[in-house]
C-alpha atoms as a PDB file:
ATOM      1  CA  UNK A   1       0.000   0.000   0.000  1.00  0.00           C
ATOM      2  CA  UNK A   2       2.831   2.364   0.872  1.00  0.00           C
ATOM      3  CA  UNK A   3       5.408   0.769  -1.449  1.00  0.00           C
ATOM      4  CA  UNK A   4       6.157   4.005  -3.313  1.00  0.00           C
ATOM      5  CA  UNK A   5       6.509   5.864  -0.010  1.00  0.00           C
ATOM      6  CA  UNK A   6       8.966   3.274   1.307  1.00  0.00           C
ATOM      7  CA  UNK A   7      10.982   3.360  -1.933  1.00  0.00           C
ATOM      8  CA  UNK A   8      11.116   7.151  -1.790  1.00  0.00           C
ATOM      9  CA  UNK A   9      12.433   6.960   1.774  1.00  0.00           C
ATOM     10  CA  UNK A  10      15.156   4.520   0.693  1.00  0.00           C
ATOM     11  CA  UNK A  11      16.280   6.936  -2.020  1.00  0.00           C
ATOM     12  CA  UNK A  12      16.136   9.861   0.416  1.00  0.00           C
ATOM     13  CA  UNK A  13      18.373   8.016   2.882  1.00  0.00           C
ATOM     14  CA  UNK A  14      20.760   6.989   0.076  1.00  0.00           C
ATOM     15  CA  UNK A  15      21.106  10.655  -0.874  1.00  0.00           C
ATOM     16  CA  UNK A  16      21.616  11.581   2.791  1.00  0.00           C
ATOM     17  CA  UNK A  17      24.248   8.879   3.154  1.00  0.00           C
ATOM     18  CA  UNK A  18      26.047  10.547   0.274  1.00  0.00           C
ATOM     19  CA  UNK A  19      25.908  13.957   1.983  1.00  0.00           C
ATOM     20  CA  UNK A  20      28.485  12.787   4.537  1.00  0.00           C
ATOM     21  CA  UNK A  21      30.883  11.944   1.705  1.00  0.00           C
ATOM     22  CA  UNK A  22      30.307  15.273  -0.052  1.00  0.00           C
ATOM     23  CA  UNK A  23      30.579  17.129   3.265  1.00  0.00           C
ATOM     24  CA  UNK A  24      33.846  15.410   4.109  1.00  0.00           C
ATOM     25  CA  UNK A  25      35.259  16.394   0.698  1.00  0.00           C
ATOM     26  CA  UNK A  26      34.225  20.024   1.246  1.00  0.00           C
ATOM     27  CA  UNK A  27      35.442  20.178   4.850  1.00  0.00           C
ATOM     28  CA  UNK A  28      39.069  20.527   3.829  1.00  0.00           C
ATOM     29  CA  UNK A  29      38.615  23.451   1.452  1.00  0.00           C
ATOM     30  CA  UNK A  30      35.289  25.273   2.036  1.00  0.00           C
ATOM     31  CA  UNK A  31      34.364  26.924   5.388  1.00  0.00           C
ATOM     32  CA  UNK A  32      31.171  25.585   7.099  1.00  0.00           C
ATOM     33  CA  UNK A  33      28.949  28.632   6.545  1.00  0.00           C
ATOM     34  CA  UNK A  34      30.047  28.981   2.910  1.00  0.00           C
ATOM     35  CA  UNK A  35      29.398  25.296   2.221  1.00  0.00           C
ATOM     36  CA  UNK A  36      25.977  25.522   3.861  1.00  0.00           C
ATOM     37  CA  UNK A  37      25.071  28.729   1.997  1.00  0.00           C
ATOM     38  CA  UNK A  38      25.965  27.424  -1.464  1.00  0.00           C
ATOM     39  CA  UNK A  39      24.337  24.076  -0.713  1.00  0.00           C
ATOM     40  CA  UNK A  40      21.028  25.713   0.116  1.00  0.00           C
ATOM     41  CA  UNK A  41      21.251  28.390  -2.554  1.00  0.00           C
ATOM     42  CA  UNK A  42      21.407  25.551  -5.092  1.00  0.00           C
ATOM     43  CA  UNK A  43      18.681  23.664  -3.223  1.00  0.00           C
ATOM     44  CA  UNK A  44      16.359  26.678  -3.104  1.00  0.00           C
ATOM     45  CA  UNK A  45      16.629  27.222  -6.860  1.00  0.00           C
ATOM     46  CA  UNK A  46      15.971  23.508  -7.468  1.00  0.00           C
ATOM     47  CA  UNK A  47      12.994  23.534  -5.099  1.00  0.00           C
ATOM     48  CA  UNK A  48      11.579  26.624  -6.843  1.00  0.00           C
ATOM     49  CA  UNK A  49      11.579  24.720 -10.138  1.00  0.00           C
ATOM     50  CA  UNK A  50      10.044  21.632  -8.506  1.00  0.00           C
ATOM     51  CA  UNK A  51       7.351  23.699  -6.791  1.00  0.00           C
ATOM     52  CA  UNK A  52       6.437  25.332 -10.083  1.00  0.00           C
ATOM     53  CA  UNK A  53       6.307  22.000 -11.935  1.00  0.00           C
ATOM     54  CA  UNK A  54       4.550  19.928  -9.252  1.00  0.00           C
ATOM     55  CA  UNK A  55       2.338  22.401  -7.380  1.00  0.00           C
ATOM     56  CA  UNK A  56       1.746  24.552 -10.461  1.00  0.00           C
ATOM     57  CA  UNK A  57       2.183  27.800  -8.528  1.00  0.00           C
ATOM     58  CA  UNK A  58       3.946  29.383  -5.567  1.00  0.00           C
ATOM     59  CA  UNK A  59       1.814  29.435  -2.461  1.00  0.00           C
ATOM     60  CA  UNK A  60       2.395  32.404  -0.162  1.00  0.00           C
ATOM     61  CA  UNK A  61       2.221  31.310   3.499  1.00  0.00           C
ATOM     62  CA  UNK A  62      -0.263  33.031   5.781  1.00  0.00           C
ATOM     63  CA  UNK A  63       1.088  35.336   8.459  1.00  0.00           C
ATOM     64  CA  UNK A  64       0.792  32.758  11.264  1.00  0.00           C
ATOM     65  CA  UNK A  65       2.763  30.213   9.219  1.00  0.00           C
ATOM     66  CA  UNK A  66       5.933  32.291   8.955  1.00  0.00           C
ATOM     67  CA  UNK A  67       7.129  31.677  12.526  1.00  0.00           C
ATOM     68  CA  UNK A  68       7.128  27.857  12.179  1.00  0.00           C
ATOM     69  CA  UNK A  69       8.845  28.211   8.787  1.00  0.00           C
ATOM     70  CA  UNK A  70      11.459  30.476  10.356  1.00  0.00           C
ATOM     71  CA  UNK A  71      12.060  27.817  13.025  1.00  0.00           C
ATOM     72  CA  UNK A  72      12.419  25.167  10.313  1.00  0.00           C
ATOM     73  CA  UNK A  73      15.001  27.277   8.500  1.00  0.00           C
ATOM     74  CA  UNK A  74      16.832  27.999  11.750  1.00  0.00           C
ATOM     75  CA  UNK A  75      16.960  24.397  12.988  1.00  0.00           C
ATOM     76  CA  UNK A  76      17.066  22.158   9.927  1.00  0.00           C
ATOM     77  CA  UNK A  77      19.096  24.451   7.672  1.00  0.00           C
ATOM     78  CA  UNK A  78      21.162  27.043   9.543  1.00  0.00           C
ATOM     79  CA  UNK A  79      22.059  25.191  12.754  1.00  0.00           C
ATOM     80  CA  UNK A  80      22.245  21.741  11.177  1.00  0.00           C
ATOM     81  CA  UNK A  81      24.615  22.797   8.403  1.00  0.00           C
ATOM     82  CA  UNK A  82      26.905  24.928  10.533  1.00  0.00           C
ATOM     83  CA  UNK A  83      27.300  21.951  12.864  1.00  0.00           C
ATOM     84  CA  UNK A  84      27.411  19.359  10.063  1.00  0.00           C
ATOM     85  CA  UNK A  85      30.295  20.895   8.127  1.00  0.00           C
ATOM     86  CA  UNK A  86      32.124  21.797  11.336  1.00  0.00           C
ATOM     87  CA  UNK A  87      31.889  18.227  12.611  1.00  0.00           C
ATOM     88  CA  UNK A  88      33.138  16.729   9.342  1.00  0.00           C
ATOM     89  CA  UNK A  89      36.337  18.774   9.658  1.00  0.00           C
ATOM     90  CA  UNK A  90      37.294  16.661  12.662  1.00  0.00           C
ATOM     91  CA  UNK A  91      35.802  13.170  12.306  1.00  0.00           C
ATOM     92  CA  UNK A  92      35.292  10.700   9.457  1.00  0.00           C
ATOM     93  CA  UNK A  93      32.140  10.562   7.343  1.00  0.00           C
ATOM     94  CA  UNK A  94      31.326   6.988   8.409  1.00  0.00           C
ATOM     95  CA  UNK A  95      31.619   7.680  12.123  1.00  0.00           C
ATOM     96  CA  UNK A  96      29.645  10.925  11.849  1.00  0.00           C
ATOM     97  CA  UNK A  97      26.818   9.043  10.152  1.00  0.00           C
ATOM     98  CA  UNK A  98      26.733   6.493  12.962  1.00  0.00           C
ATOM     99  CA  UNK A  99      26.308   9.299  15.502  1.00  0.00           C
ATOM    100  CA  UNK A 100      23.510  10.764  13.368  1.00  0.00           C
ATOM    101  CA  UNK A 101      21.807   7.352  13.653  1.00  0.00           C
ATOM    102  CA  UNK A 102      20.629   8.696  17.025  1.00  0.00           C
ATOM    103  CA  UNK A 103      18.079  10.833  15.138  1.00  0.00           C
ATOM    104  CA  UNK A 104      15.068   8.467  15.351  1.00  0.00           C
ATOM    105  CA  UNK A 105      15.716   7.879  19.050  1.00  0.00           C
ATOM    106  CA  UNK A 106      15.907  11.590  19.834  1.00  0.00           C
ATOM    107  CA  UNK A 107      12.759  12.243  17.784  1.00  0.00           C
ATOM    108  CA  UNK A 108      10.894   9.509  19.675  1.00  0.00           C
ATOM    109  CA  UNK A 109      12.044  10.688  23.119  1.00  0.00           C
ATOM    110  CA  UNK A 110      11.234  14.300  22.203  1.00  0.00           C
ATOM    111  CA  UNK A 111       7.735  13.224  21.127  1.00  0.00           C
ATOM    112  CA  UNK A 112       7.281  11.630  24.562  1.00  0.00           C
ATOM    113  CA  UNK A 113       8.461  14.775  26.358  1.00  0.00           C
ATOM    114  CA  UNK A 114       6.736  17.448  24.279  1.00  0.00           C
ATOM    115  CA  UNK A 115       3.724  15.611  22.788  1.00  0.00           C
ATOM    116  CA  UNK A 116       3.101  13.176  25.674  1.00  0.00           C
ATOM    117  CA  UNK A 117       3.289  10.040  23.527  1.00  0.00           C
ATOM    118  CA  UNK A 118       3.415   6.813  25.514  1.00  0.00           C
ATOM    119  CA  UNK A 119       6.179   4.208  25.339  1.00  0.00           C
ATOM    120  CA  UNK A 120       5.997   0.560  26.386  1.00  0.00           C
ATOM    121  CA  UNK A 121       8.585  -1.078  28.639  1.00  0.00           C
ATOM    122  CA  UNK A 122      10.128  -2.677  25.537  1.00  0.00           C
ATOM    123  CA  UNK A 123      10.481   0.742  23.982  1.00  0.00           C
ATOM    124  CA  UNK A 124      12.162   2.110  27.103  1.00  0.00           C
ATOM    125  CA  UNK A 125      14.511  -0.861  26.879  1.00  0.00           C
ATOM    126  CA  UNK A 126      15.202   0.103  23.268  1.00  0.00           C
ATOM    127  CA  UNK A 127      16.095   3.613  24.412  1.00  0.00           C
ATOM    128  CA  UNK A 128      18.655   2.251  26.884  1.00  0.00           C
ATOM    129  CA  UNK A 129      20.140  -0.116  24.285  1.00  0.00           C
ATOM    130  CA  UNK A 130      20.419   2.740  21.797  1.00  0.00           C
ATOM    131  CA  UNK A 131      22.173   4.951  24.310  1.00  0.00           C
ATOM    132  CA  UNK A 132      24.649   2.162  25.044  1.00  0.00           C
ATOM    133  CA  UNK A 133      25.464   1.837  21.351  1.00  0.00           C
ATOM    134  CA  UNK A 134      25.678   5.604  20.939  1.00  0.00           C
ATOM    135  CA  UNK A 135      28.153   5.783  23.811  1.00  0.00           C
ATOM    136  CA  UNK A 136      30.456   3.343  21.991  1.00  0.00           C
ATOM    137  CA  UNK A 137      30.177   5.210  18.685  1.00  0.00           C
ATOM    138  CA  UNK A 138      30.597   8.724  20.107  1.00  0.00           C
ATOM    139  CA  UNK A 139      33.627   7.691  22.191  1.00  0.00           C
ATOM    140  CA  UNK A 140      35.226   5.904  19.215  1.00  0.00           C
ATOM    141  CA  UNK A 141      35.141   2.614  21.128  1.00  0.00           C
ATOM    142  CA  UNK A 142      36.386   4.029  24.447  1.00  0.00           C
ATOM    143  CA  UNK A 143      33.287   4.873  26.536  1.00  0.00           C
ATOM    144  CA  UNK A 144      35.307   6.012  29.550  1.00  0.00           C
ATOM    145  CA  UNK A 145      36.591   8.995  27.578  1.00  0.00           C
ATOM    146  CA  UNK A 146      33.086  10.481  27.464  1.00  0.00           C
ATOM    147  CA  UNK A 147      33.281  11.075  31.208  1.00  0.00           C
ATOM    148  CA  UNK A 148      36.827  12.465  31.095  1.00  0.00           C
ATOM    149  CA  UNK A 149      36.351  14.923  28.252  1.00  0.00           C
ATOM    150  CA  UNK A 150      38.093  12.657  25.747  1.00  0.00           C
ATOM    151  CA  UNK A 151      35.879  13.520  22.799  1.00  0.00           C
ATOM    152  CA  UNK A 152      36.107  16.776  20.954  1.00  0.00           C
ATOM    153  CA  UNK A 153      34.566  19.366  18.662  1.00  0.00           C
ATOM    154  CA  UNK A 154      33.650  16.923  15.919  1.00  0.00           C
ATOM    155  CA  UNK A 155      31.538  14.673  18.126  1.00  0.00           C
ATOM    156  CA  UNK A 156      29.867  17.624  19.858  1.00  0.00           C
ATOM    157  CA  UNK A 157      29.040  19.270  16.528  1.00  0.00           C
ATOM    158  CA  UNK A 158      27.464  16.097  15.098  1.00  0.00           C
ATOM    159  CA  UNK A 159      25.448  15.632  18.316  1.00  0.00           C
ATOM    160  CA  UNK A 160      24.209  19.181  17.706  1.00  0.00           C
ATOM    161  CA  UNK A 161      23.109  18.046  14.234  1.00  0.00           C
ATOM    162  CA  UNK A 162      21.009  15.338  15.879  1.00  0.00           C
ATOM    163  CA  UNK A 163      19.276  17.867  18.144  1.00  0.00           C
ATOM    164  CA  UNK A 164      18.697  20.229  15.208  1.00  0.00           C
ATOM    165  CA  UNK A 165      17.177  17.511  13.035  1.00  0.00           C
ATOM    166  CA  UNK A 166      14.879  16.308  15.811  1.00  0.00           C
ATOM    167  CA  UNK A 167      13.568  19.849  16.231  1.00  0.00           C
ATOM    168  CA  UNK A 168      13.163  20.190  12.459  1.00  0.00           C
ATOM    169  CA  UNK A 169      11.186  16.939  12.209  1.00  0.00           C
ATOM    170  CA  UNK A 170       8.854  17.733  15.097  1.00  0.00           C
ATOM    171  CA  UNK A 171       8.226  21.339  14.042  1.00  0.00           C
ATOM    172  CA  UNK A 172       7.601  20.064  10.529  1.00  0.00           C
ATOM    173  CA  UNK A 173       4.829  17.823  11.809  1.00  0.00           C
ATOM    174  CA  UNK A 174       2.713  20.869  12.648  1.00  0.00           C
ATOM    175  CA  UNK A 175       3.689  22.786   9.506  1.00  0.00           C
ATOM    176  CA  UNK A 176       2.498  19.962   7.264  1.00  0.00           C
ATOM    177  CA  UNK A 177      -1.050  20.281   8.533  1.00  0.00           C
ATOM    178  CA  UNK A 178      -1.413  23.500   6.529  1.00  0.00           C
ATOM    179  CA  UNK A 179       1.330  23.480   3.852  1.00  0.00           C
ATOM    180  CA  UNK A 180       2.368  20.949   1.229  1.00  0.00           C
ATOM    181  CA  UNK A 181       5.731  19.215   1.825  1.00  0.00           C
ATOM    182  CA  UNK A 182       7.321  20.905  -1.177  1.00  0.00           C
ATOM    183  CA  UNK A 183       6.165  24.361  -0.105  1.00  0.00           C
ATOM    184  CA  UNK A 184       7.376  23.809   3.469  1.00  0.00           C
ATOM    185  CA  UNK A 185      10.796  22.605   2.319  1.00  0.00           C
ATOM    186  CA  UNK A 186      11.127  25.457  -0.212  1.00  0.00           C
ATOM    187  CA  UNK A 187      10.434  28.212   2.308  1.00  0.00           C
ATOM    188  CA  UNK A 188      12.533  26.637   5.073  1.00  0.00           C
ATOM    189  CA  UNK A 189      15.387  26.292   2.557  1.00  0.00           C
ATOM    190  CA  UNK A 190      14.978  29.906   1.426  1.00  0.00           C
ATOM    191  CA  UNK A 191      14.946  31.178   5.013  1.00  0.00           C
ATOM    192  CA  UNK A 192      17.955  29.035   5.924  1.00  0.00           C
ATOM    193  CA  UNK A 193      19.881  30.351   2.908  1.00  0.00           C
ATOM    194  CA  UNK A 194      19.214  33.938   3.992  1.00  0.00           C
ATOM    195  CA  UNK A 195      20.326  33.139   7.554  1.00  0.00           C
ATOM    196  CA  UNK A 196      23.549  31.560   6.251  1.00  0.00           C
ATOM    197  CA  UNK A 197      24.413  34.504   3.980  1.00  0.00           C
ATOM    198  CA  UNK A 198      25.950  36.738   6.673  1.00  0.00           C
ATOM    199  CA  UNK A 199      28.252  34.076   8.190  1.00  0.00           C
ATOM    200  CA  UNK A 200      29.175  32.875   4.672  1.00  0.00           C
ATOM    201  CA  UNK A 201      30.260  36.370   3.584  1.00  0.00           C
ATOM    202  CA  UNK A 202      32.206  36.720   6.823  1.00  0.00           C
ATOM    203  CA  UNK A 203      34.044  33.476   6.003  1.00  0.00           C
ATOM    204  CA  UNK A 204      34.933  34.732   2.508  1.00  0.00           C
ATOM    205  CA  UNK A 205      32.262  33.006   0.398  1.00  0.00           C
ATOM    206  CA  UNK A 206      32.342  35.721  -2.275  1.00  0.00           C
ATOM    207  CA  UNK A 207      36.076  36.370  -2.125  1.00  0.00           C
ATOM    208  CA  UNK A 208      37.085  32.708  -2.455  1.00  0.00           C
ATOM    209  CA  UNK A 209      34.373  31.669  -4.917  1.00  0.00           C
ATOM    210  CA  UNK A 210      36.728  31.192  -7.876  1.00  0.00           C
ATOM    211  CA  UNK A 211      39.222  29.196  -5.831  1.00  0.00           C
ATOM    212  CA  UNK A 212      36.845  26.235  -5.289  1.00  0.00           C
ATOM    213  CA  UNK A 213      37.870  23.018  -7.043  1.00  0.00           C
ATOM    214  CA  UNK A 214      35.720  21.130  -9.525  1.00  0.00           C
ATOM    215  CA  UNK A 215      35.145  18.386  -6.942  1.00  0.00           C
ATOM    216  CA  UNK A 216      33.937  21.078  -4.512  1.00  0.00           C
ATOM    217  CA  UNK A 217      31.292  22.316  -6.972  1.00  0.00           C
ATOM    218  CA  UNK A 218      30.274  18.736  -7.774  1.00  0.00           C
ATOM    219  CA  UNK A 219      29.864  18.062  -4.044  1.00  0.00           C
ATOM    220  CA  UNK A 220      27.828  21.263  -3.568  1.00  0.00           C
ATOM    221  CA  UNK A 221      25.620  20.352  -6.533  1.00  0.00           C
ATOM    222  CA  UNK A 222      25.006  16.875  -5.088  1.00  0.00           C
ATOM    223  CA  UNK A 223      24.245  18.343  -1.665  1.00  0.00           C
ATOM    224  CA  UNK A 224      21.888  20.970  -3.064  1.00  0.00           C
ATOM    225  CA  UNK A 225      19.988  18.953  -5.682  1.00  0.00           C
ATOM    226  CA  UNK A 226      19.880  15.385  -4.352  1.00  0.00           C
ATOM    227  CA  UNK A 227      20.911  15.639  -0.700  1.00  0.00           C
ATOM    228  CA  UNK A 228      18.590  18.561   0.002  1.00  0.00           C
ATOM    229  CA  UNK A 229      15.917  19.318  -2.618  1.00  0.00           C
ATOM    230  CA  UNK A 230      15.140  15.689  -3.483  1.00  0.00           C
ATOM    231  CA  UNK A 231      15.915  14.198  -0.061  1.00  0.00           C
ATOM    232  CA  UNK A 232      13.935  16.701   1.997  1.00  0.00           C
ATOM    233  CA  UNK A 233      10.964  16.608  -0.384  1.00  0.00           C
ATOM    234  CA  UNK A 234      10.786  12.804  -0.347  1.00  0.00           C
ATOM    235  CA  UNK A 235      11.137  12.717   3.445  1.00  0.00           C
ATOM    236  CA  UNK A 236       8.380  15.257   4.025  1.00  0.00           C
ATOM    237  CA  UNK A 237       6.086  13.520   1.556  1.00  0.00           C
ATOM    238  CA  UNK A 238       6.592  10.337   3.573  1.00  0.00           C
ATOM    239  CA  UNK A 239       5.920  12.093   6.903  1.00  0.00           C
ATOM    240  CA  UNK A 240       2.636  13.298   5.474  1.00  0.00           C
ATOM    241  CA  UNK A 241       1.713   9.773   4.307  1.00  0.00           C
ATOM    242  CA  UNK A 242       2.895   7.534   7.178  1.00  0.00           C
ATOM    243  CA  UNK A 243       3.857   9.913  10.010  1.00  0.00           C
ATOM    244  CA  UNK A 244       7.102  11.203  11.568  1.00  0.00           C
ATOM    245  CA  UNK A 245       7.861   8.167  13.748  1.00  0.00           C
ATOM    246  CA  UNK A 246       7.534   5.567  10.975  1.00  0.00           C
ATOM    247  CA  UNK A 247       9.401   7.742   8.488  1.00  0.00           C
ATOM    248  CA  UNK A 248      12.240   8.417  10.918  1.00  0.00           C
ATOM    249  CA  UNK A 249      12.942   4.661  11.210  1.00  0.00           C
ATOM    250  CA  UNK A 250      14.323   4.745   7.667  1.00  0.00           C
ATOM    251  CA  UNK A 251      17.055   7.122   8.843  1.00  0.00           C
ATOM    252  CA  UNK A 252      18.643   3.902  10.149  1.00  0.00           C
ATOM    253  CA  UNK A 253      19.725   3.273   6.555  1.00  0.00           C
ATOM    254  CA  UNK A 254      21.762   6.494   6.383  1.00  0.00           C
ATOM    255  CA  UNK A 255      24.813   5.177   8.300  1.00  0.00           C
ATOM    256  CA  UNK A 256      24.749   1.943   6.285  1.00  0.00           C
ATOM    257  CA  UNK A 257      24.863   3.861   3.005  1.00  0.00           C
ATOM    258  CA  UNK A 258      27.379   6.340   4.393  1.00  0.00           C
ATOM    259  CA  UNK A 259      29.814   3.731   5.720  1.00  0.00           C
ATOM    260  CA  UNK A 260      29.669   1.830   2.415  1.00  0.00           C
ATOM    261  CA  UNK A 261      30.114   4.976   0.322  1.00  0.00           C
ATOM    262  CA  UNK A 262      32.920   6.331   2.529  1.00  0.00           C
ATOM    263  CA  UNK A 263      34.740   3.006   2.098  1.00  0.00           C
ATOM    264  CA  UNK A 264      34.215   3.014  -1.677  1.00  0.00           C
ATOM    265  CA  UNK A 265      34.891   6.695  -2.368  1.00  0.00           C
ATOM    266  CA  UNK A 266      37.051   8.027   0.483  1.00  0.00           C
ATOM    267  CA  UNK A 267      38.835   4.785   1.392  1.00  0.00           C
ATOM    268  CA  UNK A 268      37.808   5.307   5.034  1.00  0.00           C
ATOM    269  CA  UNK A 269      37.705   2.521   7.569  1.00  0.00           C
ATOM    270  CA  UNK A 270      35.688   2.305  10.771  1.00  0.00           C
ATOM    271  CA  UNK A 271      36.883   0.439  13.848  1.00  0.00           C
ATOM    272  CA  UNK A 272      35.071  -2.897  14.382  1.00  0.00           C
ATOM    273  CA  UNK A 273      34.108  -1.790  17.918  1.00  0.00           C
ATOM    274  CA  UNK A 274      32.501   1.367  16.454  1.00  0.00           C
ATOM    275  CA  UNK A 275      30.592  -0.702  13.907  1.00  0.00           C
ATOM    276  CA  UNK A 276      29.444  -2.927  16.770  1.00  0.00           C
ATOM    277  CA  UNK A 277      28.283   0.174  18.653  1.00  0.00           C
ATOM    278  CA  UNK A 278      26.401   1.291  15.557  1.00  0.00           C
ATOM    279  CA  UNK A 279      24.702  -2.110  15.334  1.00  0.00           C
ATOM    280  CA  UNK A 280      23.695  -1.908  19.013  1.00  0.00           C
ATOM    281  CA  UNK A 281      22.398   1.639  18.468  1.00  0.00           C
ATOM    282  CA  UNK A 282      20.314   0.644  15.438  1.00  0.00           C
ATOM    283  CA  UNK A 283      18.961  -2.411  17.264  1.00  0.00           C
ATOM    284  CA  UNK A 284      17.777  -0.207  20.103  1.00  0.00           C
ATOM    285  CA  UNK A 285      16.257   2.330  17.718  1.00  0.00           C
ATOM    286  CA  UNK A 286      14.373  -0.425  15.877  1.00  0.00           C
ATOM    287  CA  UNK A 287      13.101  -1.863  19.170  1.00  0.00           C
ATOM    288  CA  UNK A 288      11.965   1.590  20.275  1.00  0.00           C
ATOM    289  CA  UNK A 289      10.073   2.278  17.059  1.00  0.00           C
ATOM    290  CA  UNK A 290       8.478  -1.127  16.475  1.00  0.00           C
ATOM    291  CA  UNK A 291       7.589  -2.300  19.990  1.00  0.00           C
ATOM    292  CA  UNK A 292       4.316  -1.543  21.675  1.00  0.00           C
ATOM    293  CA  UNK A 293       1.051  -0.428  20.129  1.00  0.00           C
ATOM    294  CA  UNK A 294       0.960   1.098  16.659  1.00  0.00           C
ATOM    295  CA  UNK A 295      -0.002   4.758  16.939  1.00  0.00           C
END
C-alpha cells in the first residue's frame, strides 16, 4: 500500500548517506557557513523549479505560518549545516553518520516529552540499548573517555546536528497540517539560505568563490539537488503519508549507506568496535520504534 513511499524513503536516505561523503570532501577546502550557503542556494533554486512543476504555482504562506517556517530554516538548515560541516572537519564521514543514527531515538524521546506520547517497557529498553550503542560510537570505542572529556569538537558538533534535526522533524509535523511538503521545504530552505548569507560572507564566500575546485562544486551540486531538494521533499512527503515516527525509522539506513560509500569513495575505515556500537544503536532504535502499540 505504501510501497512508493517506502521506496522514496530509501532513495532519500541513500542521498543523505552521500551527503556525509560530499561534506567530508568540502570540509578541507570550504568553510562551514560557505558550504551551507551554497548548498542551500542551489537547493532553493531547485525547489523553486520543482514547486512550479509539481504544485503549479507558488503558495504564499499566511502570516501565522511564517514563525514555524522560520524555526524550520533555523533548525534544519542554519544550525544543522553549521554543525554538520564543522563536525566533518574533525571526524570521518562513516563515524559521523553512525552518531547521526541517534536521530530516530531523539525524535521519539522528544515526542514523549513534548507531545506526551506513551512508550511501552520494551520501547524504554530500546532507548537504553540505543544509548549504550551511541556511547560506543561517540567515544570511538572508548566509553570512559566520554566522562573524562576525551571527545572533541567533531563529536559535539554532530550531536548538535542530531538535536537540530529532531527539532526540524517535530516542528515540521505541525507545519504539514497546513502546507504541502514541497512548499514547506522550499520556504525553510529559502529562510535558511538567507540566515547563512551573513556568516558565509564573513568566512569569505564571495572572495574565495573562484578558488573552489571542480570536486567542490560537484559536491555542492550533489548536496543541493539530491541531498537537500530531493531528499527533503521525499522525506516530508513520507511524513505526510505515514507519520514522523515511521518515516524516521528509515534514517537507520543512512549510516549503512554512508559507511559503504565512505569506504568506496574516500577509502575510510571504521573500527570494528565502532561498527558494533552502531549495530547496538540501530537495534535499540528499531526496538523503540516497532515495539508496543501502533499509533
